[in-house]
Amino acid sequence: MTRLVLDTDVVLAAFLSDAGASRQLLLDALDAKFSLLLAVPLLLEYEAVLSRPQHLAAARLSQRDVIDVLDELAGVCVPVAFDFRWRPSGADKDDELVIETAINGQADMIATFNIRHMRTACEAFGIVAERPAPCLQRIRA
């Protein structure tokens, strides 16, 4: 089964739009169609970003809604502990947490919109960094 990390930008996009590959990846994660890799710090980053007032308003969700979805993700994920720190990885500093989760969780892929920085950092570890739509296609193939 594919081992995948969702970048925070993909999770945010899934909350903001119900039509798109990001939302489908989130739904597929909840349906255990792939192994979602999550570290506690990454889950906390999801919560911090999704809970920003502008994002809650844009998604028409409450803080409780966000917590409920994140609780569901935590219930289906493969937990990742950081056995080793891989910083700096060569990625943008805001992406280091996602990269560390992927490396320590032995990910196959990272779904991200930040391809430019992620691909270079991921290639050294044999991890594919793709936009949500190609990730979804690979998972469903």
N, C-alpha and C. Protein backbone atom coordinates (compact mmCIF):
# COMPACT_ATOMS: atom_id res chain seq x y z
N MET A 1 0.85 -1.18 0.00
CA MET A 1 0.00 0.00 0.00
C MET A 1 0.89 1.24 0.00
N THR A 2 0.52 2.23 -0.78
CA THR A 2 1.29 3.47 -0.90
C THR A 2 1.35 4.19 0.44
N ARG A 3 2.54 4.66 0.77
CA ARG A 3 2.77 5.43 2.00
C ARG A 3 2.92 6.90 1.59
N LEU A 4 2.03 7.74 2.09
CA LEU A 4 1.93 9.12 1.60
C LEU A 4 1.86 10.11 2.74
N VAL A 5 2.52 11.25 2.54
CA VAL A 5 2.42 12.39 3.46
C VAL A 5 1.70 13.50 2.71
N LEU A 6 0.71 14.10 3.36
CA LEU A 6 0.01 15.25 2.79
C LEU A 6 0.65 16.52 3.33
N ASP A 7 1.13 17.36 2.44
CA ASP A 7 1.65 18.65 2.85
C ASP A 7 0.49 19.48 3.39
N THR A 8 0.81 20.40 4.26
CA THR A 8 -0.22 21.23 4.88
C THR A 8 -1.02 22.00 3.84
N ASP A 9 -0.38 22.44 2.75
CA ASP A 9 -1.11 23.18 1.72
C ASP A 9 -2.18 22.32 1.05
N VAL A 10 -1.95 21.02 0.96
CA VAL A 10 -2.93 20.11 0.37
C VAL A 10 -4.10 19.90 1.32
N VAL A 11 -3.81 19.76 2.60
CA VAL A 11 -4.88 19.60 3.60
C VAL A 11 -5.75 20.86 3.63
N LEU A 12 -5.11 22.02 3.58
CA LEU A 12 -5.87 23.27 3.55
C LEU A 12 -6.75 23.34 2.31
N ALA A 13 -6.21 22.99 1.16
CA ALA A 13 -6.99 23.01 -0.08
C ALA A 13 -8.18 22.05 0.01
N ALA A 14 -7.99 20.92 0.68
CA ALA A 14 -9.08 19.94 0.84
C ALA A 14 -10.21 20.52 1.68
N PHE A 15 -9.88 21.34 2.64
CA PHE A 15 -10.90 21.97 3.49
C PHE A 15 -11.59 23.12 2.76
N LEU A 16 -10.87 23.80 1.88
CA LEU A 16 -11.42 24.98 1.22
C LEU A 16 -12.28 24.67 0.00
N SER A 17 -12.05 23.51 -0.62
CA SER A 17 -12.80 23.18 -1.83
C SER A 17 -13.23 21.72 -1.80
N ASP A 18 -14.50 21.49 -2.09
CA ASP A 18 -14.98 20.10 -2.10
C ASP A 18 -14.82 19.46 -3.47
N ALA A 19 -14.29 20.20 -4.44
CA ALA A 19 -14.09 19.66 -5.79
C ALA A 19 -12.61 19.76 -6.13
N GLY A 20 -11.94 18.65 -6.07
CA GLY A 20 -10.54 18.66 -6.43
C GLY A 20 -9.81 17.46 -5.88
N ALA A 21 -8.59 17.29 -6.36
CA ALA A 21 -7.79 16.14 -5.96
C ALA A 21 -7.40 16.20 -4.49
N SER A 22 -7.21 17.40 -3.96
CA SER A 22 -6.85 17.51 -2.53
C SER A 22 -7.96 16.93 -1.66
N ARG A 23 -9.20 17.28 -1.96
CA ARG A 23 -10.32 16.74 -1.18
C ARG A 23 -10.41 15.24 -1.36
N GLN A 24 -10.20 14.75 -2.57
CA GLN A 24 -10.26 13.31 -2.81
C GLN A 24 -9.16 12.57 -2.06
N LEU A 25 -7.97 13.17 -1.98
CA LEU A 25 -6.89 12.55 -1.21
C LEU A 25 -7.26 12.47 0.27
N LEU A 26 -7.85 13.53 0.78
CA LEU A 26 -8.28 13.53 2.18
C LEU A 26 -9.33 12.45 2.42
N LEU A 27 -10.29 12.35 1.53
CA LEU A 27 -11.33 11.32 1.66
C LEU A 27 -10.74 9.92 1.52
N ASP A 28 -9.80 9.75 0.59
CA ASP A 28 -9.15 8.45 0.43
C ASP A 28 -8.32 8.09 1.66
N ALA A 29 -7.72 9.08 2.29
CA ALA A 29 -6.99 8.83 3.53
C ALA A 29 -7.94 8.31 4.60
N LEU A 30 -9.09 8.96 4.72
CA LEU A 30 -10.08 8.54 5.72
C LEU A 30 -10.64 7.16 5.42
N ASP A 31 -10.67 6.79 4.13
CA ASP A 31 -11.14 5.46 3.72
C ASP A 31 -10.00 4.44 3.67
N ALA A 32 -8.81 4.82 4.13
CA ALA A 32 -7.63 3.94 4.19
C ALA A 32 -7.28 3.33 2.83
N LYS A 33 -7.38 4.15 1.77
CA LYS A 33 -7.00 3.68 0.44
C LYS A 33 -5.49 3.80 0.22
N PHE A 34 -4.82 4.44 1.14
CA PHE A 34 -3.36 4.49 1.19
C PHE A 34 -2.97 4.67 2.65
N SER A 35 -1.71 4.50 2.94
CA SER A 35 -1.22 4.67 4.31
C SER A 35 -0.82 6.13 4.50
N LEU A 36 -1.62 6.85 5.26
CA LEU A 36 -1.32 8.25 5.56
C LEU A 36 -0.31 8.28 6.69
N LEU A 37 0.83 8.91 6.43
CA LEU A 37 1.88 9.03 7.45
C LEU A 37 1.72 10.37 8.15
N LEU A 38 1.67 10.33 9.48
CA LEU A 38 1.50 11.55 10.26
C LEU A 38 2.39 11.52 11.49
N ALA A 39 3.08 12.61 11.72
CA ALA A 39 3.83 12.82 12.96
C ALA A 39 3.04 13.84 13.78
N VAL A 40 3.15 13.76 15.08
CA VAL A 40 2.41 14.69 15.95
C VAL A 40 2.71 16.14 15.59
N PRO A 41 3.97 16.54 15.38
CA PRO A 41 4.20 17.95 15.02
C PRO A 41 3.51 18.36 13.72
N LEU A 42 3.42 17.45 12.77
CA LEU A 42 2.74 17.77 11.50
C LEU A 42 1.24 17.91 11.73
N LEU A 43 0.66 17.04 12.53
CA LEU A 43 -0.76 17.15 12.85
C LEU A 43 -1.05 18.47 13.56
N LEU A 44 -0.16 18.88 14.44
CA LEU A 44 -0.33 20.17 15.12
C LEU A 44 -0.21 21.34 14.14
N GLU A 45 0.66 21.19 13.14
CA GLU A 45 0.76 22.23 12.11
C GLU A 45 -0.54 22.31 11.32
N TYR A 46 -1.10 21.15 10.95
CA TYR A 46 -2.39 21.15 10.26
C TYR A 46 -3.41 21.93 11.08
N GLU A 47 -3.48 21.62 12.37
CA GLU A 47 -4.48 22.27 13.23
C GLU A 47 -4.24 23.78 13.30
N ALA A 48 -3.00 24.19 13.45
CA ALA A 48 -2.70 25.62 13.55
C ALA A 48 -3.10 26.37 12.28
N VAL A 49 -2.79 25.80 11.13
CA VAL A 49 -3.11 26.46 9.85
C VAL A 49 -4.61 26.45 9.60
N LEU A 50 -5.24 25.30 9.78
CA LEU A 50 -6.68 25.20 9.51
C LEU A 50 -7.52 26.04 10.45
N SER A 51 -6.99 26.31 11.65
CA SER A 51 -7.74 27.06 12.66
C SER A 51 -7.59 28.57 12.55
N ARG A 52 -6.81 29.03 11.60
CA ARG A 52 -6.70 30.48 11.40
C ARG A 52 -8.08 31.01 11.03
N PRO A 53 -8.46 32.14 11.61
CA PRO A 53 -9.81 32.67 11.37
C PRO A 53 -10.18 32.81 9.90
N GLN A 54 -9.24 33.25 9.07
CA GLN A 54 -9.55 33.43 7.65
C GLN A 54 -9.82 32.09 6.97
N HIS A 55 -9.14 31.03 7.40
CA HIS A 55 -9.37 29.71 6.81
C HIS A 55 -10.68 29.09 7.29
N LEU A 56 -10.99 29.28 8.56
CA LEU A 56 -12.27 28.78 9.07
C LEU A 56 -13.42 29.47 8.35
N ALA A 57 -13.31 30.78 8.17
CA ALA A 57 -14.36 31.53 7.48
C ALA A 57 -14.49 31.09 6.02
N ALA A 58 -13.36 30.94 5.34
CA ALA A 58 -13.40 30.54 3.93
C ALA A 58 -13.97 29.14 3.75
N ALA A 59 -13.67 28.25 4.69
CA ALA A 59 -14.16 26.87 4.60
C ALA A 59 -15.57 26.72 5.20
N ARG A 60 -16.04 27.77 5.85
CA ARG A 60 -17.34 27.74 6.54
C ARG A 60 -17.41 26.59 7.54
N LEU A 61 -16.33 26.50 8.32
CA LEU A 61 -16.23 25.46 9.33
C LEU A 61 -15.94 26.08 10.70
N SER A 62 -16.22 25.31 11.71
CA SER A 62 -15.89 25.73 13.07
C SER A 62 -14.59 25.05 13.51
N GLN A 63 -14.04 25.54 14.58
CA GLN A 63 -12.86 24.91 15.17
C GLN A 63 -13.16 23.45 15.50
N ARG A 64 -14.36 23.17 15.98
CA ARG A 64 -14.77 21.80 16.33
C ARG A 64 -14.77 20.91 15.08
N ASP A 65 -15.23 21.45 13.95
CA ASP A 65 -15.21 20.68 12.69
C ASP A 65 -13.78 20.27 12.32
N VAL A 66 -12.87 21.21 12.45
CA VAL A 66 -11.46 20.95 12.13
C VAL A 66 -10.93 19.85 13.04
N ILE A 67 -11.16 19.99 14.33
CA ILE A 67 -10.69 19.00 15.30
C ILE A 67 -11.28 17.63 15.00
N ASP A 68 -12.54 17.58 14.66
CA ASP A 68 -13.18 16.29 14.36
C ASP A 68 -12.52 15.59 13.17
N VAL A 69 -12.25 16.34 12.10
CA VAL A 69 -11.61 15.74 10.93
C VAL A 69 -10.18 15.30 11.28
N LEU A 70 -9.45 16.14 11.99
CA LEU A 70 -8.08 15.78 12.36
C LEU A 70 -8.05 14.57 13.29
N ASP A 71 -9.03 14.46 14.17
CA ASP A 71 -9.14 13.27 15.03
C ASP A 71 -9.35 12.02 14.18
N GLU A 72 -10.19 12.14 13.15
CA GLU A 72 -10.42 11.01 12.25
C GLU A 72 -9.14 10.63 11.51
N LEU A 73 -8.40 11.63 11.04
CA LEU A 73 -7.13 11.36 10.37
C LEU A 73 -6.15 10.67 11.31
N ALA A 74 -6.10 11.14 12.54
CA ALA A 74 -5.20 10.54 13.53
C ALA A 74 -5.58 9.08 13.78
N GLY A 75 -6.86 8.78 13.68
CA GLY A 75 -7.32 7.42 13.90
C GLY A 75 -7.00 6.44 12.79
N VAL A 76 -6.75 6.95 11.58
CA VAL A 76 -6.47 6.05 10.45
C VAL A 76 -5.01 6.13 9.98
N CYS A 77 -4.23 7.03 10.54
CA CYS A 77 -2.87 7.24 10.06
C CYS A 77 -1.90 6.18 10.55
N VAL A 78 -0.75 6.17 9.93
CA VAL A 78 0.40 5.42 10.42
C VAL A 78 1.24 6.45 11.18
N PRO A 79 1.34 6.30 12.50
CA PRO A 79 2.09 7.29 13.28
C PRO A 79 3.58 7.23 12.96
N VAL A 80 4.19 8.39 12.89
CA VAL A 80 5.61 8.49 12.58
C VAL A 80 6.32 9.20 13.73
N ALA A 81 7.35 8.56 14.24
CA ALA A 81 8.21 9.18 15.25
C ALA A 81 9.49 9.62 14.55
N PHE A 82 10.04 10.71 15.01
CA PHE A 82 11.27 11.20 14.41
C PHE A 82 12.46 10.55 15.10
N ASP A 83 12.98 9.52 14.46
CA ASP A 83 14.14 8.83 14.98
C ASP A 83 15.42 9.62 14.72
N PHE A 84 15.36 10.44 13.70
CA PHE A 84 16.53 11.21 13.32
C PHE A 84 16.06 12.50 12.67
N ARG A 85 16.73 13.59 12.95
CA ARG A 85 16.42 14.88 12.33
C ARG A 85 17.18 15.00 11.02
N TRP A 86 16.48 15.39 9.96
CA TRP A 86 17.07 15.50 8.64
C TRP A 86 17.14 16.95 8.17
N ARG A 87 17.40 17.87 9.09
CA ARG A 87 17.45 19.28 8.72
C ARG A 87 18.88 19.76 8.64
N PRO A 88 19.19 20.60 7.72
CA PRO A 88 18.34 21.04 6.61
C PRO A 88 18.35 20.00 5.48
N SER A 89 17.22 19.86 4.86
CA SER A 89 17.06 18.87 3.79
C SER A 89 17.29 19.48 2.41
N GLY A 90 17.33 20.78 2.36
CA GLY A 90 17.45 21.45 1.08
C GLY A 90 16.12 22.03 0.62
N ALA A 91 15.05 21.65 1.34
CA ALA A 91 13.73 22.19 1.03
C ALA A 91 13.59 23.55 1.69
N ASP A 92 12.54 24.24 1.35
CA ASP A 92 12.18 25.48 2.02
C ASP A 92 12.04 25.18 3.51
N LYS A 93 12.43 26.10 4.38
CA LYS A 93 12.40 25.83 5.82
C LYS A 93 11.00 25.48 6.31
N ASP A 94 9.96 25.98 5.66
CA ASP A 94 8.59 25.67 6.06
C ASP A 94 8.19 24.24 5.68
N ASP A 95 8.98 23.60 4.85
CA ASP A 95 8.68 22.24 4.40
C ASP A 95 9.46 21.17 5.15
N GLU A 96 10.36 21.57 6.01
CA GLU A 96 11.22 20.61 6.71
C GLU A 96 10.42 19.57 7.49
N LEU A 97 9.37 19.98 8.15
CA LEU A 97 8.54 19.07 8.94
C LEU A 97 7.90 17.98 8.07
N VAL A 98 7.45 18.37 6.90
CA VAL A 98 6.84 17.42 5.97
C VAL A 98 7.91 16.44 5.47
N ILE A 99 9.07 16.95 5.12
CA ILE A 99 10.18 16.11 4.65
C ILE A 99 10.59 15.13 5.74
N GLU A 100 10.75 15.61 6.97
CA GLU A 100 11.15 14.72 8.07
C GLU A 100 10.12 13.63 8.32
N THR A 101 8.85 13.97 8.22
CA THR A 101 7.81 12.96 8.38
C THR A 101 7.93 11.91 7.28
N ALA A 102 8.14 12.35 6.06
CA ALA A 102 8.25 11.43 4.93
C ALA A 102 9.47 10.52 5.07
N ILE A 103 10.60 11.08 5.42
CA ILE A 103 11.83 10.28 5.55
C ILE A 103 11.70 9.27 6.68
N ASN A 104 11.31 9.74 7.86
CA ASN A 104 11.20 8.85 9.01
C ASN A 104 10.08 7.83 8.87
N GLY A 105 9.06 8.16 8.07
CA GLY A 105 7.95 7.23 7.85
C GLY A 105 8.14 6.35 6.62
N GLN A 106 9.28 6.49 5.95
CA GLN A 106 9.58 5.72 4.74
C GLN A 106 8.48 5.89 3.69
N ALA A 107 8.14 7.15 3.42
CA ALA A 107 7.09 7.48 2.46
C ALA A 107 7.49 7.14 1.04
N ASP A 108 6.47 6.82 0.26
CA ASP A 108 6.65 6.67 -1.19
C ASP A 108 6.48 8.02 -1.88
N MET A 109 5.55 8.83 -1.33
CA MET A 109 5.20 10.09 -1.99
C MET A 109 4.84 11.16 -0.96
N ILE A 110 4.97 12.40 -1.41
CA ILE A 110 4.43 13.56 -0.71
C ILE A 110 3.52 14.27 -1.69
N ALA A 111 2.29 14.54 -1.27
CA ALA A 111 1.37 15.35 -2.07
C ALA A 111 1.57 16.80 -1.62
N THR A 112 1.92 17.66 -2.57
CA THR A 112 2.23 19.05 -2.26
C THR A 112 1.96 19.94 -3.46
N PHE A 113 1.77 21.21 -3.19
CA PHE A 113 1.72 22.19 -4.27
C PHE A 113 3.08 22.86 -4.45
N ASN A 114 3.99 22.61 -3.53
CA ASN A 114 5.32 23.22 -3.54
C ASN A 114 6.34 22.27 -4.18
N ILE A 115 6.14 21.98 -5.42
CA ILE A 115 6.98 21.02 -6.13
C ILE A 115 8.43 21.49 -6.25
N ARG A 116 8.62 22.76 -6.52
CA ARG A 116 9.96 23.28 -6.79
C ARG A 116 10.94 22.96 -5.65
N HIS A 117 10.54 23.20 -4.41
CA HIS A 117 11.44 22.94 -3.29
C HIS A 117 11.43 21.48 -2.85
N MET A 118 10.28 20.87 -2.90
CA MET A 118 10.14 19.52 -2.37
C MET A 118 10.85 18.47 -3.23
N ARG A 119 10.74 18.58 -4.52
CA ARG A 119 11.32 17.53 -5.39
C ARG A 119 12.80 17.34 -5.15
N THR A 120 13.53 18.41 -5.08
CA THR A 120 14.97 18.32 -4.88
C THR A 120 15.30 17.64 -3.57
N ALA A 121 14.62 18.02 -2.50
CA ALA A 121 14.88 17.43 -1.19
C ALA A 121 14.46 15.96 -1.16
N CYS A 122 13.38 15.63 -1.82
CA CYS A 122 12.84 14.26 -1.80
C CYS A 122 13.66 13.29 -2.64
N GLU A 123 14.20 13.75 -3.75
CA GLU A 123 14.92 12.87 -4.66
C GLU A 123 16.07 12.14 -3.98
N ALA A 124 16.74 12.79 -3.06
CA ALA A 124 17.87 12.17 -2.36
C ALA A 124 17.44 10.96 -1.54
N PHE A 125 16.15 10.88 -1.21
CA PHE A 125 15.65 9.79 -0.38
C PHE A 125 14.70 8.85 -1.14
N GLY A 126 14.60 9.03 -2.45
CA GLY A 126 13.75 8.16 -3.25
C GLY A 126 12.27 8.38 -3.03
N ILE A 127 11.90 9.57 -2.59
CA ILE A 127 10.50 9.92 -2.35
C ILE A 127 10.02 10.80 -3.50
N VAL A 128 8.85 10.50 -4.01
CA VAL A 128 8.27 11.27 -5.10
C VAL A 128 7.45 12.42 -4.51
N ALA A 129 7.69 13.62 -5.00
CA ALA A 129 6.88 14.79 -4.61
C ALA A 129 6.04 15.18 -5.82
N GLU A 130 4.73 15.13 -5.66
CA GLU A 130 3.81 15.42 -6.76
C GLU A 130 2.67 16.30 -6.28
N ARG A 131 2.04 16.95 -7.23
CA ARG A 131 0.81 17.68 -6.94
C ARG A 131 -0.28 16.66 -6.62
N PRO A 132 -1.35 17.09 -5.98
CA PRO A 132 -2.40 16.15 -5.57
C PRO A 132 -2.98 15.29 -6.69
N ALA A 133 -3.24 15.86 -7.85
CA ALA A 133 -3.87 15.07 -8.93
C ALA A 133 -2.99 13.89 -9.37
N PRO A 134 -1.71 14.09 -9.67
CA PRO A 134 -0.88 12.93 -10.02
C PRO A 134 -0.75 11.92 -8.88
N CYS A 135 -0.71 12.40 -7.64
CA CYS A 135 -0.67 11.47 -6.50
C CYS A 135 -1.93 10.60 -6.48
N LEU A 136 -3.05 11.23 -6.67
CA LEU A 136 -4.33 10.51 -6.67
C LEU A 136 -4.35 9.48 -7.79
N GLN A 137 -3.84 9.86 -8.96
CA GLN A 137 -3.79 8.92 -10.08
C GLN A 137 -2.92 7.72 -9.78
N ARG A 138 -1.77 7.95 -9.15
CA ARG A 138 -0.87 6.85 -8.81
C ARG A 138 -1.52 5.92 -7.78
N ILE A 139 -2.19 6.48 -6.81
CA ILE A 139 -2.82 5.68 -5.77
C ILE A 139 -3.95 4.82 -6.35
N ARG A 140 -4.70 5.41 -7.25
CA ARG A 140 -5.87 4.72 -7.80
C ARG A 140 -5.53 3.82 -8.98
N ALA A 141 -4.27 3.85 -9.45
CA ALA A 141 -3.88 3.01 -10.61
C ALA A 141 -3.74 1.55 -10.20
